[in-house]
Structures are given as C-alpha cells and as structure tokens.
C-alpha cells in the first residue's frame, strides 16, 4: 500500500506564492502519474495539474496555467506544486494523487489509485 502526505498549505495574500509538497512512501513502484486536485467548499474536486513520473511531461488546468508549476524529485519520491500570483479563487483544500494508469485521462479523478489527506490553502484579497 502506498501513502501520500501533502504539506505546505497555509494562508497567503493575493499575489503571493506558496509551494506544496507531496511525499510518497510505501508501495510506490508502478506510479506513472502524480496529480494535484483541489476542492473548494460546496464544489466538486477539480483537476489542477499532473506530471508523468517517467517522462516529466505536464498538463495544467486552464485556470492555473502560467501561474502554477508541477514538478517532481524521483530520488525522494516527492512531488511539488509551485503556486505563484495566487488569487482568492485558488482557495481550496489541495490533494495530491498517484496513478498507475497511462497518460490518457490525467485530469479525471477516476484514474488515480491513491490520495493524500489534503492541505488547506487560503488566499485573502
């Protein structure tokens, strides 16, 4: 069984930056994709970004493209989400997830096998 643990959330002001980390442990062999999702109160969990563990190719939601950067460190099985120029609408609980599936439907929650517990990000105006 694999475990994912997010860290780095907090309260920031609009325009500030924040970096989230996702540490994976346990049975991580076979991970192909690491993704980040977020869920605001009363809303569906939505895709933010994903990265291929082997090739490093990335995909972003339109709302965060050019502001957020997803990256990974294969040596310590950790993924990152660098968030710049943050906006109040970025306020949500952020979750990292890992998938053993191929790079086809990376924005769909259904392909992810493992999820972290979430970390809260709040952006004030």
C-alpha atoms as a PDB file:
ATOM      1  CA  UNK A   1       0.000   0.000   0.000  1.00  0.00           C
ATOM      2  CA  UNK A   2       1.241   3.494  -0.843  1.00  0.00           C
ATOM      3  CA  UNK A   3       0.803   6.604   1.244  1.00  0.00           C
ATOM      4  CA  UNK A   4       0.766  10.210   0.115  1.00  0.00           C
ATOM      5  CA  UNK A   5       1.230  13.112   2.504  1.00  0.00           C
ATOM      6  CA  UNK A   6       0.780  16.742   1.464  1.00  0.00           C
ATOM      7  CA  UNK A   7       2.369  19.687   3.220  1.00  0.00           C
ATOM      8  CA  UNK A   8       2.953  23.382   2.650  1.00  0.00           C
ATOM      9  CA  UNK A   9      -0.558  24.778   2.782  1.00  0.00           C
ATOM     10  CA  UNK A  10      -1.403  27.988   4.581  1.00  0.00           C
ATOM     11  CA  UNK A  11      -2.894  31.464   4.433  1.00  0.00           C
ATOM     12  CA  UNK A  12      -1.441  33.936   1.935  1.00  0.00           C
ATOM     13  CA  UNK A  13      -2.449  37.197   0.311  1.00  0.00           C
ATOM     14  CA  UNK A  14      -3.395  37.655  -3.315  1.00  0.00           C
ATOM     15  CA  UNK A  15      -0.283  37.840  -5.455  1.00  0.00           C
ATOM     16  CA  UNK A  16       1.805  35.745  -3.055  1.00  0.00           C
ATOM     17  CA  UNK A  17       3.406  32.367  -3.722  1.00  0.00           C
ATOM     18  CA  UNK A  18       3.203  29.007  -1.987  1.00  0.00           C
ATOM     19  CA  UNK A  19       4.775  25.612  -2.624  1.00  0.00           C
ATOM     20  CA  UNK A  20       3.005  22.377  -1.799  1.00  0.00           C
ATOM     21  CA  UNK A  21       4.836  19.090  -1.369  1.00  0.00           C
ATOM     22  CA  UNK A  22       3.568  15.546  -1.715  1.00  0.00           C
ATOM     23  CA  UNK A  23       5.733  12.861  -0.143  1.00  0.00           C
ATOM     24  CA  UNK A  24       5.043   9.288  -1.187  1.00  0.00           C
ATOM     25  CA  UNK A  25       6.060   6.183   0.708  1.00  0.00           C
ATOM     26  CA  UNK A  26       5.298   2.513   0.840  1.00  0.00           C
ATOM     27  CA  UNK A  27       4.497   0.649  -2.342  1.00  0.00           C
ATOM     28  CA  UNK A  28       5.271   3.398  -4.879  1.00  0.00           C
ATOM     29  CA  UNK A  29       6.549   1.068  -7.587  1.00  0.00           C
ATOM     30  CA  UNK A  30       4.395   1.419 -10.680  1.00  0.00           C
ATOM     31  CA  UNK A  31       3.391   5.044 -10.167  1.00  0.00           C
ATOM     32  CA  UNK A  32       3.090   6.644 -13.603  1.00  0.00           C
ATOM     33  CA  UNK A  33       1.379   9.922 -12.844  1.00  0.00           C
ATOM     34  CA  UNK A  34       1.244  12.332  -9.943  1.00  0.00           C
ATOM     35  CA  UNK A  35      -1.617  14.781  -9.968  1.00  0.00           C
ATOM     36  CA  UNK A  36      -2.891  17.682  -7.913  1.00  0.00           C
ATOM     37  CA  UNK A  37      -6.578  18.382  -7.381  1.00  0.00           C
ATOM     38  CA  UNK A  38      -8.410  20.939  -5.295  1.00  0.00           C
ATOM     39  CA  UNK A  39     -11.810  21.208  -3.711  1.00  0.00           C
ATOM     40  CA  UNK A  40     -13.462  24.397  -2.522  1.00  0.00           C
ATOM     41  CA  UNK A  41     -16.391  24.283  -0.088  1.00  0.00           C
ATOM     42  CA  UNK A  42     -19.583  23.254  -1.847  1.00  0.00           C
ATOM     43  CA  UNK A  43     -17.805  22.455  -5.108  1.00  0.00           C
ATOM     44  CA  UNK A  44     -16.621  19.353  -6.913  1.00  0.00           C
ATOM     45  CA  UNK A  45     -12.997  18.283  -6.631  1.00  0.00           C
ATOM     46  CA  UNK A  46     -11.266  19.656  -9.726  1.00  0.00           C
ATOM     47  CA  UNK A  47      -8.085  18.909 -11.602  1.00  0.00           C
ATOM     48  CA  UNK A  48      -5.168  21.300 -11.177  1.00  0.00           C
ATOM     49  CA  UNK A  49      -2.068  19.694 -12.706  1.00  0.00           C
ATOM     50  CA  UNK A  50      -0.389  16.382 -13.458  1.00  0.00           C
ATOM     51  CA  UNK A  51       3.101  15.143 -14.266  1.00  0.00           C
ATOM     52  CA  UNK A  52       4.388  11.929 -15.763  1.00  0.00           C
ATOM     53  CA  UNK A  53       6.721  10.253 -13.300  1.00  0.00           C
ATOM     54  CA  UNK A  54       8.928   8.849 -16.070  1.00  0.00           C
ATOM     55  CA  UNK A  55       8.958  11.497 -18.821  1.00  0.00           C
ATOM     56  CA  UNK A  56       8.211  14.670 -16.878  1.00  0.00           C
ATOM     57  CA  UNK A  57       5.541  15.842 -19.296  1.00  0.00           C
ATOM     58  CA  UNK A  58       2.919  18.014 -17.654  1.00  0.00           C
ATOM     59  CA  UNK A  59      -0.652  19.144 -18.037  1.00  0.00           C
ATOM     60  CA  UNK A  60      -2.481  22.007 -16.355  1.00  0.00           C
ATOM     61  CA  UNK A  61      -5.994  23.253 -15.866  1.00  0.00           C
ATOM     62  CA  UNK A  62      -6.597  26.447 -17.771  1.00  0.00           C
ATOM     63  CA  UNK A  63      -7.275  28.404 -14.595  1.00  0.00           C
ATOM     64  CA  UNK A  64      -3.751  27.803 -13.245  1.00  0.00           C
ATOM     65  CA  UNK A  65      -1.674  27.570 -16.411  1.00  0.00           C
ATOM     66  CA  UNK A  66       1.205  30.071 -16.397  1.00  0.00           C
ATOM     67  CA  UNK A  67       0.825  30.570 -12.619  1.00  0.00           C
ATOM     68  CA  UNK A  68       1.334  27.069 -11.190  1.00  0.00           C
ATOM     69  CA  UNK A  69       4.198  24.667 -11.883  1.00  0.00           C
ATOM     70  CA  UNK A  70       4.181  20.966 -11.087  1.00  0.00           C
ATOM     71  CA  UNK A  71       7.475  19.163 -10.607  1.00  0.00           C
ATOM     72  CA  UNK A  72       8.921  16.010  -9.076  1.00  0.00           C
ATOM     73  CA  UNK A  73      12.001  14.626  -7.422  1.00  0.00           C
ATOM     74  CA  UNK A  74      12.430  10.972  -8.305  1.00  0.00           C
ATOM     75  CA  UNK A  75      15.235  10.486  -5.789  1.00  0.00           C
ATOM     76  CA  UNK A  76      12.941  11.004  -2.821  1.00  0.00           C
ATOM     77  CA  UNK A  77       9.573  10.199  -4.432  1.00  0.00           C
ATOM     78  CA  UNK A  78       8.235  13.685  -3.808  1.00  0.00           C
ATOM     79  CA  UNK A  79       6.082  15.894  -5.991  1.00  0.00           C
ATOM     80  CA  UNK A  80       5.663  19.651  -5.793  1.00  0.00           C
ATOM     81  CA  UNK A  81       3.181  22.293  -6.821  1.00  0.00           C
ATOM     82  CA  UNK A  82       4.619  25.787  -7.017  1.00  0.00           C
ATOM     83  CA  UNK A  83       1.819  28.344  -6.948  1.00  0.00           C
ATOM     84  CA  UNK A  84       2.602  31.934  -7.965  1.00  0.00           C
ATOM     85  CA  UNK A  85       0.469  35.040  -8.311  1.00  0.00           C
ATOM     86  CA  UNK A  86      -2.209  33.413  -6.235  1.00  0.00           C
ATOM     87  CA  UNK A  87      -5.808  34.566  -6.356  1.00  0.00           C
ATOM     88  CA  UNK A  88      -8.706  34.300  -3.871  1.00  0.00           C
ATOM     89  CA  UNK A  89     -10.348  31.782  -6.188  1.00  0.00           C
ATOM     90  CA  UNK A  90      -7.402  29.447  -5.565  1.00  0.00           C
ATOM     91  CA  UNK A  91      -8.700  28.951  -2.018  1.00  0.00           C
ATOM     92  CA  UNK A  92      -9.394  25.237  -1.538  1.00  0.00           C
ATOM     93  CA  UNK A  93      -8.186  22.031   0.018  1.00  0.00           C
ATOM     94  CA  UNK A  94      -5.437  20.678  -2.222  1.00  0.00           C
ATOM     95  CA  UNK A  95      -4.931  16.959  -2.702  1.00  0.00           C
ATOM     96  CA  UNK A  96      -2.145  15.050  -4.372  1.00  0.00           C
ATOM     97  CA  UNK A  97      -2.886  11.764  -6.055  1.00  0.00           C
ATOM     98  CA  UNK A  98      -0.962   8.984  -7.774  1.00  0.00           C
ATOM     99  CA  UNK A  99      -1.969   6.767 -10.647  1.00  0.00           C
ATOM    100  CA  UNK A 100      -0.631   3.599 -12.217  1.00  0.00           C
ATOM    101  CA  UNK A 101      -2.600   4.294 -15.406  1.00  0.00           C
ATOM    102  CA  UNK A 102      -1.254   5.597 -18.685  1.00  0.00           C
ATOM    103  CA  UNK A 103      -1.122   9.230 -19.786  1.00  0.00           C
ATOM    104  CA  UNK A 104      -4.611   9.408 -21.225  1.00  0.00           C
ATOM    105  CA  UNK A 105      -7.152  10.922 -18.875  1.00  0.00           C
ATOM    106  CA  UNK A 106      -4.891  12.658 -16.394  1.00  0.00           C
ATOM    107  CA  UNK A 107      -7.495  15.267 -15.498  1.00  0.00           C
ATOM    108  CA  UNK A 108     -10.021  12.622 -14.428  1.00  0.00           C
ATOM    109  CA  UNK A 109     -10.237  11.711 -10.747  1.00  0.00           C
ATOM    110  CA  UNK A 110     -11.178   8.156 -11.715  1.00  0.00           C
ATOM    111  CA  UNK A 111      -7.698   7.095 -12.855  1.00  0.00           C
ATOM    112  CA  UNK A 112      -5.997   7.874  -9.553  1.00  0.00           C
ATOM    113  CA  UNK A 113      -5.399   4.988  -7.179  1.00  0.00           C
ATOM    114  CA  UNK A 114      -4.015   6.791  -4.154  1.00  0.00           C
ATOM    115  CA  UNK A 115      -4.878  10.087  -2.493  1.00  0.00           C
ATOM    116  CA  UNK A 116      -3.371  12.218   0.215  1.00  0.00           C
ATOM    117  CA  UNK A 117      -5.348  13.667   3.099  1.00  0.00           C
ATOM    118  CA  UNK A 118      -5.276  17.203   1.711  1.00  0.00           C
ATOM    119  CA  UNK A 119      -3.777  20.505   2.784  1.00  0.00           C
ATOM    120  CA  UNK A 120      -5.704  23.756   3.076  1.00  0.00           C
ATOM    121  CA  UNK A 121      -4.736  26.790   1.020  1.00  0.00           C
ATOM    122  CA  UNK A 122      -6.453  30.102   1.676  1.00  0.00           C
ATOM    123  CA  UNK A 123      -5.850  33.282  -0.312  1.00  0.00           C
ATOM    124  CA  UNK A 124      -7.101  36.602   1.008  1.00  0.00           C
ATOM    125  CA  UNK A 125      -7.819  39.573  -1.230  1.00  0.00           C
END
